[in-house]
Structure formats: structure tokens, C-alpha cells
Amino acid sequence: KATVSVLYWCFHKNMLCIFPSVVLSSIVPPGVPFSPMTYNSTVYEAFGAKKCVNPPAELTSDPYDGYNGTVPVPYGPNAVCGIKYLDANRTSYKLQNFTSIDEAQNSGAFVTHKRACGTCSTLSDLAGFMSEPDLTDPIRTCEVEHLDNEAKILECMYGRMNVSKACVQAFYYNSIYDKKFCEKICLIDWAEKTPNNLPPDNRLNDCLQCDEDKSGPVFKLVAGRNRRDSGLNSSIIRPPSEVFRIIHDYY
């Protein structure tokens, strides 16, 4: 499937792609052109229907409590989160951490994102990321509607974000931490409708850069999955070196 997917991409980009004799799993090898992918409802509905037998636990406390600017790197700098199907029809699966792509593939697992697994690592979360190009919109809406009422904000986010409760909680605590450091900056960017990326080099706007610097490390650790580490298209332009070269063809 990986070869077919990349061939499809090359055809529509009117490009010639040279392939090695074997394309492993869903990882696009070096030298093959790659752009962050957009997936249709056939793909994300298939992923959303699968059952995880070991879903990440919901958060019981604020993961930013005690944060001092450094975070651990579970399973090492080349860690990936993989899934292993438990039946021939691929209806159920388990999440598993690996120290590298090779370790995951050699064990028969499909890599689903870069970094260790977290609260947003299930395939239903992947489906939600695929179906929603920008998950920050419902977060902002819920915060405006319910101000500082945590229970109401979370209830609103559960209803508006098509991801698991555990994943929603990671986004919620990220937004709370952002308020401490980035609120004034972000209010200016939102009021002025500043685009996500600024010319001439597509740098992040001040609000996104603040979130990246202040809240990003903990969010990546807790959530596991984000758009760039899942190779997904995004409303935020990222340098190619930051986007994981993966095609989700294992549904």
C-alpha cells in the first residue's frame, strides 16, 4: 500500500519517483518526495472504527504542574509509537512503544507516529486529526463560551473535538498553560487576524511560537501524537525536516 500511495502522490504532482526494491511499512524512504498528507473519509472512518485494547488512561492531574523547562525522552530520541493488529480483519489492536522504526517494523508493528505513545495515540485520535484540519478552533470556541469554568470547557471540548477524552485533556491543559504565558500575545494575533505563518520565511506568528516554546514540550510528551509527527497536513506550515515521513495506509 505504501508504494501505491506514493505512486498516487507522484502521479498527481506530475513527478517521477524512483523506488527501492522494497518499501517498508508506511514509512516513506529518503529520496522519495513527500508532502504532509490529507486523507478522505474512507480512511479516517476506517481508522475510527477500530478498537484499542490498551487505550491511554485519562489524565487525573495537570501534567504541567512542576514543569521546569525540561522533559524526559521515553524510549530514546528515535522512539516511535506503533500499533499491532490482533486479528486478520484489523478490527482491534494494541499500542506499543519502540526505540526505533526498525524495531517496530521488525516486530510486525505499524508505526503510527514519531515519539512514544501518549494520550492522543489511538487510531480513533488519528481519525479525529485527519477529519479536523485545525483542532484549535473548537478549543477557542469552548473557552470563549465558558470562560474559566473547567468542567464546562471540558464538556464543550468533548462534544466538539472528534478525539478521545484523554486526548482532549492534553489539549485542555496545554491551553491552560498557554494562558499563563501567551494570552496577551495571542489576543493581539487573534484580534489582528494574524496568519499562522509570516513572510518571507513562513515563521510562526508570535502566538504559535509562544505555544511552541512554552507548552509544546509537555504537550508532545503527554499527547504523543501531533500533526507533524503523524505526517498530516496542517493549517500551520512546518519545515519539511520537522514532518514525519509517514503514510497511514494500514487501515
C-alpha atoms as a PDB file:
ATOM      1  CA  LYS A   1       0.000   0.000   0.000  1.00  0.00           C
ATOM      2  CA  ALA A   2       2.823   2.407   0.787  1.00  0.00           C
ATOM      3  CA  THR A   3       4.219   2.076  -2.728  1.00  0.00           C
ATOM      4  CA  VAL A   4       0.771   2.592  -4.265  1.00  0.00           C
ATOM      5  CA  SER A   5       0.145   5.661  -2.081  1.00  0.00           C
ATOM      6  CA  VAL A   6       3.421   7.324  -3.032  1.00  0.00           C
ATOM      7  CA  LEU A   7       2.902   6.469  -6.716  1.00  0.00           C
ATOM      8  CA  TYR A   8      -0.510   8.120  -6.486  1.00  0.00           C
ATOM      9  CA  TRP A   9       1.111  11.222  -4.967  1.00  0.00           C
ATOM     10  CA  CYS A  10       3.780  11.299  -7.678  1.00  0.00           C
ATOM     11  CA  PHE A  11       1.217  10.935 -10.453  1.00  0.00           C
ATOM     12  CA  HIS A  12      -0.836  13.871  -9.217  1.00  0.00           C
ATOM     13  CA  LYS A  13       2.283  16.001  -8.738  1.00  0.00           C
ATOM     14  CA  ASN A  14       3.437  15.063 -12.248  1.00  0.00           C
ATOM     15  CA  MET A  15       6.721  13.762 -10.835  1.00  0.00           C
ATOM     16  CA  LEU A  16       8.873  10.711 -11.478  1.00  0.00           C
ATOM     17  CA  CYS A  17       9.651   8.755  -8.309  1.00  0.00           C
ATOM     18  CA  ILE A  18      12.395   6.132  -8.080  1.00  0.00           C
ATOM     19  CA  PHE A  19      11.697   3.379  -5.547  1.00  0.00           C
ATOM     20  CA  PRO A  20      13.960   0.886  -3.825  1.00  0.00           C
ATOM     21  CA  SER A  21      13.029  -2.766  -4.312  1.00  0.00           C
ATOM     22  CA  VAL A  22      11.117  -2.799  -1.025  1.00  0.00           C
ATOM     23  CA  VAL A  23       9.173  -0.031   0.669  1.00  0.00           C
ATOM     24  CA  LEU A  24       8.914  -0.924   4.332  1.00  0.00           C
ATOM     25  CA  SER A  25       5.548  -0.468   6.035  1.00  0.00           C
ATOM     26  CA  SER A  26       4.153   3.055   5.715  1.00  0.00           C
ATOM     27  CA  ILE A  27       7.402   4.989   6.140  1.00  0.00           C
ATOM     28  CA  VAL A  28       8.427   6.953   3.052  1.00  0.00           C
ATOM     29  CA  PRO A  29      12.138   6.287   2.466  1.00  0.00           C
ATOM     30  CA  PRO A  30      14.711   9.058   1.963  1.00  0.00           C
ATOM     31  CA  GLY A  31      14.927  10.282  -1.611  1.00  0.00           C
ATOM     32  CA  VAL A  32      11.217   9.772  -2.290  1.00  0.00           C
ATOM     33  CA  PRO A  33       9.270  13.076  -2.471  1.00  0.00           C
ATOM     34  CA  PHE A  34       6.860  13.564   0.406  1.00  0.00           C
ATOM     35  CA  SER A  35       4.362  16.198   1.489  1.00  0.00           C
ATOM     36  CA  PRO A  36       2.091  16.131   4.549  1.00  0.00           C
ATOM     37  CA  MET A  37      -0.949  14.103   3.634  1.00  0.00           C
ATOM     38  CA  THR A  38      -4.691  14.835   3.598  1.00  0.00           C
ATOM     39  CA  TYR A  39      -6.966  11.794   3.941  1.00  0.00           C
ATOM     40  CA  ASN A  40     -10.573  11.266   2.900  1.00  0.00           C
ATOM     41  CA  SER A  41     -13.480   9.921   4.941  1.00  0.00           C
ATOM     42  CA  THR A  42     -12.926   6.345   3.747  1.00  0.00           C
ATOM     43  CA  VAL A  43      -9.579   6.305   5.519  1.00  0.00           C
ATOM     44  CA  TYR A  44     -10.413   8.138   8.732  1.00  0.00           C
ATOM     45  CA  GLU A  45     -13.737   6.368   9.218  1.00  0.00           C
ATOM     46  CA  ALA A  46     -11.941   3.030   8.897  1.00  0.00           C
ATOM     47  CA  PHE A  47      -9.374   4.067  11.494  1.00  0.00           C
ATOM     48  CA  GLY A  48     -12.079   5.448  13.769  1.00  0.00           C
ATOM     49  CA  ALA A  49     -13.932   2.127  13.808  1.00  0.00           C
ATOM     50  CA  LYS A  50     -11.004   0.118  15.183  1.00  0.00           C
ATOM     51  CA  LYS A  51     -10.820  -0.824  18.870  1.00  0.00           C
ATOM     52  CA  CYS A  52      -7.750  -0.217  21.016  1.00  0.00           C
ATOM     53  CA  VAL A  53      -7.392  -2.848  23.754  1.00  0.00           C
ATOM     54  CA  ASN A  54      -4.961  -0.748  25.814  1.00  0.00           C
ATOM     55  CA  PRO A  55      -6.084   2.874  25.403  1.00  0.00           C
ATOM     56  CA  PRO A  56      -4.095   5.528  27.294  1.00  0.00           C
ATOM     57  CA  ALA A  57      -5.539   6.450  30.673  1.00  0.00           C
ATOM     58  CA  GLU A  58      -7.323   9.746  31.112  1.00  0.00           C
ATOM     59  CA  LEU A  59      -5.369  12.462  32.902  1.00  0.00           C
ATOM     60  CA  THR A  60      -6.072  12.815  36.619  1.00  0.00           C
ATOM     61  CA  SER A  61      -3.907  15.890  37.206  1.00  0.00           C
ATOM     62  CA  ASP A  62      -2.339  18.787  35.346  1.00  0.00           C
ATOM     63  CA  PRO A  63       0.793  17.459  33.565  1.00  0.00           C
ATOM     64  CA  TYR A  64       2.304  20.962  33.644  1.00  0.00           C
ATOM     65  CA  ASP A  65       2.457  21.022  37.450  1.00  0.00           C
ATOM     66  CA  GLY A  66       6.121  21.112  38.399  1.00  0.00           C
ATOM     67  CA  TYR A  67       7.306  21.620  34.816  1.00  0.00           C
ATOM     68  CA  ASN A  68      10.749  23.274  34.919  1.00  0.00           C
ATOM     69  CA  GLY A  69      11.549  23.534  31.222  1.00  0.00           C
ATOM     70  CA  THR A  70      12.872  20.018  30.661  1.00  0.00           C
ATOM     71  CA  VAL A  71      11.037  16.809  29.860  1.00  0.00           C
ATOM     72  CA  PRO A  72      12.143  13.159  29.690  1.00  0.00           C
ATOM     73  CA  VAL A  73      12.521  11.374  26.353  1.00  0.00           C
ATOM     74  CA  PRO A  74      10.798   7.997  26.798  1.00  0.00           C
ATOM     75  CA  TYR A  75      12.326   5.176  24.730  1.00  0.00           C
ATOM     76  CA  GLY A  76      15.055   7.445  23.385  1.00  0.00           C
ATOM     77  CA  PRO A  77      15.393  10.121  20.686  1.00  0.00           C
ATOM     78  CA  ASN A  78      14.311   7.820  17.837  1.00  0.00           C
ATOM     79  CA  ALA A  79      11.223   6.445  19.583  1.00  0.00           C
ATOM     80  CA  VAL A  80       8.048   5.710  17.664  1.00  0.00           C
ATOM     81  CA  CYS A  81       4.556   4.644  18.670  1.00  0.00           C
ATOM     82  CA  GLY A  82       3.352   1.538  16.867  1.00  0.00           C
ATOM     83  CA  ILE A  83       0.177  -0.477  16.573  1.00  0.00           C
ATOM     84  CA  LYS A  84      -0.152  -4.235  16.370  1.00  0.00           C
ATOM     85  CA  TYR A  85      -3.355  -5.681  14.988  1.00  0.00           C
ATOM     86  CA  LEU A  86      -4.757  -8.586  16.953  1.00  0.00           C
ATOM     87  CA  ASP A  87      -6.903 -10.180  14.234  1.00  0.00           C
ATOM     88  CA  ALA A  88      -6.787 -10.770  10.499  1.00  0.00           C
ATOM     89  CA  ASN A  89      -9.590  -8.264   9.826  1.00  0.00           C
ATOM     90  CA  ARG A  90      -7.749  -5.483  11.657  1.00  0.00           C
ATOM     91  CA  THR A  91     -10.667  -4.673  13.927  1.00  0.00           C
ATOM     92  CA  SER A  92      -8.679  -4.496  17.178  1.00  0.00           C
ATOM     93  CA  TYR A  93      -5.127  -3.532  18.036  1.00  0.00           C
ATOM     94  CA  LYS A  94      -2.759  -2.621  20.831  1.00  0.00           C
ATOM     95  CA  LEU A  95      -0.451   0.358  21.176  1.00  0.00           C
ATOM     96  CA  GLN A  96       3.230  -0.330  21.767  1.00  0.00           C
ATOM     97  CA  ASN A  97       6.338   1.811  22.153  1.00  0.00           C
ATOM     98  CA  PHE A  98       9.529   1.127  20.204  1.00  0.00           C
ATOM     99  CA  THR A  99      13.001   2.630  20.306  1.00  0.00           C
ATOM    100  CA  SER A 100      13.183   2.959  16.501  1.00  0.00           C
ATOM    101  CA  ILE A 101      11.313   2.481  13.237  1.00  0.00           C
ATOM    102  CA  ASP A 102      13.341  -0.653  12.516  1.00  0.00           C
ATOM    103  CA  GLU A 103      12.453  -2.194  15.862  1.00  0.00           C
ATOM    104  CA  ALA A 104       8.762  -1.544  15.244  1.00  0.00           C
ATOM    105  CA  GLN A 105       8.775  -2.930  11.720  1.00  0.00           C
ATOM    106  CA  ASN A 106      10.854  -5.970  12.669  1.00  0.00           C
ATOM    107  CA  SER A 107       8.273  -6.826  15.315  1.00  0.00           C
ATOM    108  CA  GLY A 108       5.432  -6.656  12.792  1.00  0.00           C
ATOM    109  CA  ALA A 109       4.013  -3.366  14.061  1.00  0.00           C
ATOM    110  CA  PHE A 110       2.828  -0.397  12.018  1.00  0.00           C
ATOM    111  CA  VAL A 111       4.328   2.924  13.046  1.00  0.00           C
ATOM    112  CA  THR A 112       1.566   5.454  13.700  1.00  0.00           C
ATOM    113  CA  HIS A 113       3.615   8.467  14.793  1.00  0.00           C
ATOM    114  CA  LYS A 114       7.027   9.699  15.846  1.00  0.00           C
ATOM    115  CA  ARG A 115       7.806   9.755  19.610  1.00  0.00           C
ATOM    116  CA  ALA A 116       6.465   7.475  22.337  1.00  0.00           C
ATOM    117  CA  CYS A 117       2.741   6.787  22.651  1.00  0.00           C
ATOM    118  CA  GLY A 118       0.574   9.207  24.630  1.00  0.00           C
ATOM    119  CA  THR A 119      -2.995  10.258  25.236  1.00  0.00           C
ATOM    120  CA  CYS A 120      -3.645  11.060  21.542  1.00  0.00           C
ATOM    121  CA  SER A 121      -2.056   7.933  20.067  1.00  0.00           C
ATOM    122  CA  THR A 122      -5.101   5.765  19.358  1.00  0.00           C
ATOM    123  CA  LEU A 123      -6.329   5.273  15.818  1.00  0.00           C
ATOM    124  CA  SER A 124      -9.591   6.995  16.731  1.00  0.00           C
ATOM    125  CA  ASP A 125      -7.476  10.024  17.644  1.00  0.00           C
ATOM    126  CA  LEU A 126      -5.659   9.705  14.323  1.00  0.00           C
ATOM    127  CA  ALA A 127      -9.074   9.708  12.632  1.00  0.00           C
ATOM    128  CA  GLY A 128     -10.004  12.878  14.508  1.00  0.00           C
ATOM    129  CA  PHE A 129      -6.782  14.600  13.462  1.00  0.00           C
ATOM    130  CA  MET A 130      -7.437  13.549   9.860  1.00  0.00           C
ATOM    131  CA  SER A 131     -11.027  14.790   9.816  1.00  0.00           C
ATOM    132  CA  GLU A 132     -10.312  18.140  11.518  1.00  0.00           C
ATOM    133  CA  PRO A 133      -7.647  20.295   9.833  1.00  0.00           C
ATOM    134  CA  ASP A 134      -7.433  22.642  12.840  1.00  0.00           C
ATOM    135  CA  LEU A 135      -8.270  21.386  16.333  1.00  0.00           C
ATOM    136  CA  THR A 136      -7.556  24.777  17.922  1.00  0.00           C
ATOM    137  CA  ASP A 137     -10.833  26.293  16.651  1.00  0.00           C
ATOM    138  CA  PRO A 138     -13.143  24.261  18.917  1.00  0.00           C
ATOM    139  CA  ILE A 139     -10.808  24.886  21.872  1.00  0.00           C
ATOM    140  CA  ARG A 140     -11.023  28.659  21.420  1.00  0.00           C
ATOM    141  CA  THR A 141     -14.799  28.477  20.966  1.00  0.00           C
ATOM    142  CA  CYS A 142     -15.274  26.498  24.176  1.00  0.00           C
ATOM    143  CA  GLU A 143     -13.000  28.806  26.172  1.00  0.00           C
ATOM    144  CA  VAL A 144     -14.873  31.898  24.969  1.00  0.00           C
ATOM    145  CA  GLU A 145     -18.272  30.344  25.678  1.00  0.00           C
ATOM    146  CA  HIS A 146     -17.423  29.115  29.169  1.00  0.00           C
ATOM    147  CA  LEU A 147     -14.555  31.365  30.295  1.00  0.00           C
ATOM    148  CA  ASP A 148     -12.828  29.807  33.345  1.00  0.00           C
ATOM    149  CA  ASN A 149     -15.358  27.056  34.088  1.00  0.00           C
ATOM    150  CA  GLU A 150     -13.133  23.972  33.725  1.00  0.00           C
ATOM    151  CA  ALA A 151     -15.954  21.434  33.788  1.00  0.00           C
ATOM    152  CA  LYS A 152     -17.978  23.309  31.163  1.00  0.00           C
ATOM    153  CA  ILE A 153     -14.950  23.896  28.933  1.00  0.00           C
ATOM    154  CA  LEU A 154     -14.036  20.206  29.014  1.00  0.00           C
ATOM    155  CA  GLU A 155     -17.633  19.158  28.367  1.00  0.00           C
ATOM    156  CA  CYS A 156     -17.744  21.531  25.409  1.00  0.00           C
ATOM    157  CA  MET A 157     -14.428  20.239  24.070  1.00  0.00           C
ATOM    158  CA  TYR A 158     -15.557  16.616  24.442  1.00  0.00           C
ATOM    159  CA  GLY A 159     -18.541  17.443  22.263  1.00  0.00           C
ATOM    160  CA  ARG A 160     -16.721  19.469  19.622  1.00  0.00           C
ATOM    161  CA  MET A 161     -13.396  17.643  19.212  1.00  0.00           C
ATOM    162  CA  ASN A 162     -13.563  14.289  17.474  1.00  0.00           C
ATOM    163  CA  VAL A 163     -10.865  12.682  19.625  1.00  0.00           C
ATOM    164  CA  SER A 164     -10.753  10.661  22.851  1.00  0.00           C
ATOM    165  CA  LYS A 165     -11.321  12.236  26.263  1.00  0.00           C
ATOM    166  CA  ALA A 166      -7.699  11.566  27.189  1.00  0.00           C
ATOM    167  CA  CYS A 167      -6.569  13.429  24.083  1.00  0.00           C
ATOM    168  CA  VAL A 168      -8.941  16.332  24.744  1.00  0.00           C
ATOM    169  CA  GLN A 169      -7.470  16.636  28.245  1.00  0.00           C
ATOM    170  CA  ALA A 170      -3.957  17.045  26.812  1.00  0.00           C
ATOM    171  CA  PHE A 171      -5.212  19.913  24.646  1.00  0.00           C
ATOM    172  CA  TYR A 172      -7.087  21.448  27.581  1.00  0.00           C
ATOM    173  CA  TYR A 173      -4.097  21.553  29.928  1.00  0.00           C
ATOM    174  CA  ASN A 174      -1.943  22.867  27.087  1.00  0.00           C
ATOM    175  CA  SER A 175      -4.376  25.760  26.628  1.00  0.00           C
ATOM    176  CA  ILE A 176      -4.420  26.488  30.383  1.00  0.00           C
ATOM    177  CA  TYR A 177      -0.629  26.675  30.458  1.00  0.00           C
ATOM    178  CA  ASP A 178      -0.645  28.880  27.368  1.00  0.00           C
ATOM    179  CA  LYS A 179      -2.864  31.381  29.186  1.00  0.00           C
ATOM    180  CA  LYS A 180      -0.167  31.931  31.792  1.00  0.00           C
ATOM    181  CA  PHE A 181       2.477  32.944  29.267  1.00  0.00           C
ATOM    182  CA  CYS A 182       0.872  33.597  25.893  1.00  0.00           C
ATOM    183  CA  GLU A 183      -2.608  35.048  26.461  1.00  0.00           C
ATOM    184  CA  LYS A 184      -1.779  38.701  25.748  1.00  0.00           C
ATOM    185  CA  ILE A 185       0.318  37.783  22.706  1.00  0.00           C
ATOM    186  CA  CYS A 186      -2.404  35.529  21.341  1.00  0.00           C
ATOM    187  CA  LEU A 187      -5.206  38.028  21.919  1.00  0.00           C
ATOM    188  CA  ILE A 188      -3.309  40.525  19.766  1.00  0.00           C
ATOM    189  CA  ASP A 189      -2.726  37.982  16.994  1.00  0.00           C
ATOM    190  CA  TRP A 190      -6.362  36.857  17.075  1.00  0.00           C
ATOM    191  CA  ALA A 191      -7.676  40.438  17.100  1.00  0.00           C
ATOM    192  CA  GLU A 192      -5.464  41.361  14.172  1.00  0.00           C
ATOM    193  CA  LYS A 193      -6.226  38.061  12.405  1.00  0.00           C
ATOM    194  CA  THR A 194      -2.528  37.400  12.035  1.00  0.00           C
ATOM    195  CA  PRO A 195      -1.901  34.389   9.764  1.00  0.00           C
ATOM    196  CA  ASN A 196      -0.303  31.293  11.246  1.00  0.00           C
ATOM    197  CA  ASN A 197       2.844  31.765   9.179  1.00  0.00           C
ATOM    198  CA  LEU A 198       4.528  35.049   8.310  1.00  0.00           C
ATOM    199  CA  PRO A 199       6.585  36.088   5.264  1.00  0.00           C
ATOM    200  CA  PRO A 200       9.157  35.863   3.959  1.00  0.00           C
ATOM    201  CA  ASP A 201      10.221  32.593   5.574  1.00  0.00           C
ATOM    202  CA  ASN A 202       6.915  31.196   6.910  1.00  0.00           C
ATOM    203  CA  ARG A 203       7.974  31.677  10.515  1.00  0.00           C
ATOM    204  CA  LEU A 204       5.275  31.060  13.138  1.00  0.00           C
ATOM    205  CA  ASN A 205       3.259  34.028  14.347  1.00  0.00           C
ATOM    206  CA  ASP A 206       4.031  35.208  17.885  1.00  0.00           C
ATOM    207  CA  CYS A 207       1.129  33.318  19.451  1.00  0.00           C
ATOM    208  CA  LEU A 208       2.041  29.978  17.899  1.00  0.00           C
ATOM    209  CA  GLN A 209       5.714  30.495  18.665  1.00  0.00           C
ATOM    210  CA  CYS A 210       4.880  31.187  22.305  1.00  0.00           C
ATOM    211  CA  ASP A 211       2.826  27.988  22.481  1.00  0.00           C
ATOM    212  CA  GLU A 212       5.635  26.074  20.782  1.00  0.00           C
ATOM    213  CA  ASP A 213       8.230  27.340  23.242  1.00  0.00           C
ATOM    214  CA  LYS A 214       6.254  27.328  26.484  1.00  0.00           C
ATOM    215  CA  SER A 215       3.744  24.477  26.230  1.00  0.00           C
ATOM    216  CA  GLY A 216       4.999  22.405  23.319  1.00  0.00           C
ATOM    217  CA  PRO A 217       7.500  20.111  25.093  1.00  0.00           C
ATOM    218  CA  VAL A 218       4.996  18.868  27.686  1.00  0.00           C
ATOM    219  CA  PHE A 219       2.200  18.525  25.129  1.00  0.00           C
ATOM    220  CA  LYS A 220       4.362  16.352  22.875  1.00  0.00           C
ATOM    221  CA  LEU A 221       5.349  14.180  25.835  1.00  0.00           C
ATOM    222  CA  VAL A 222       1.791  13.763  27.145  1.00  0.00           C
ATOM    223  CA  ALA A 223      -0.197  13.614  23.896  1.00  0.00           C
ATOM    224  CA  GLY A 224       2.349  11.600  21.916  1.00  0.00           C
ATOM    225  CA  ARG A 225       0.670  12.384  18.616  1.00  0.00           C
ATOM    226  CA  ASN A 226       0.592  15.754  16.938  1.00  0.00           C
ATOM    227  CA  ARG A 227       0.037  16.613  13.286  1.00  0.00           C
ATOM    228  CA  ARG A 228       3.634  16.962  12.141  1.00  0.00           C
ATOM    229  CA  ASP A 229       4.786  13.823  13.981  1.00  0.00           C
ATOM    230  CA  SER A 230       1.947  11.977  12.227  1.00  0.00           C
ATOM    231  CA  GLY A 231       2.826  13.303   8.764  1.00  0.00           C
ATOM    232  CA  LEU A 232      -0.530  15.067   8.431  1.00  0.00           C
ATOM    233  CA  ASN A 233      -1.447  18.182   6.538  1.00  0.00           C
ATOM    234  CA  SER A 234      -1.967  21.187   8.789  1.00  0.00           C
ATOM    235  CA  SER A 235      -3.158  24.767   8.776  1.00  0.00           C
ATOM    236  CA  ILE A 236       0.340  25.602  10.076  1.00  0.00           C
ATOM    237  CA  ILE A 237       3.218  25.339   7.615  1.00  0.00           C
ATOM    238  CA  ARG A 238       6.129  23.383   9.072  1.00  0.00           C
ATOM    239  CA  PRO A 239       9.645  22.941   7.678  1.00  0.00           C
ATOM    240  CA  PRO A 240       9.908  19.606   5.816  1.00  0.00           C
ATOM    241  CA  SER A 241      12.563  18.454   8.277  1.00  0.00           C
ATOM    242  CA  GLU A 242      10.003  18.614  11.097  1.00  0.00           C
ATOM    243  CA  VAL A 243       7.350  16.495   9.368  1.00  0.00           C
ATOM    244  CA  PHE A 244       7.466  12.735   9.893  1.00  0.00           C
ATOM    245  CA  ARG A 245       7.581  10.941   6.530  1.00  0.00           C
ATOM    246  CA  ILE A 246       4.723   8.509   7.046  1.00  0.00           C
ATOM    247  CA  ILE A 247       1.686   7.400   5.046  1.00  0.00           C
ATOM    248  CA  HIS A 248      -1.215   5.911   7.006  1.00  0.00           C
ATOM    249  CA  ASP A 249      -2.068   3.067   4.669  1.00  0.00           C
ATOM    250  CA  TYR A 250      -2.571   0.333   7.283  1.00  0.00           C
ATOM    251  CA  TYR A 251      -6.315   0.637   7.784  1.00  0.00           C
END
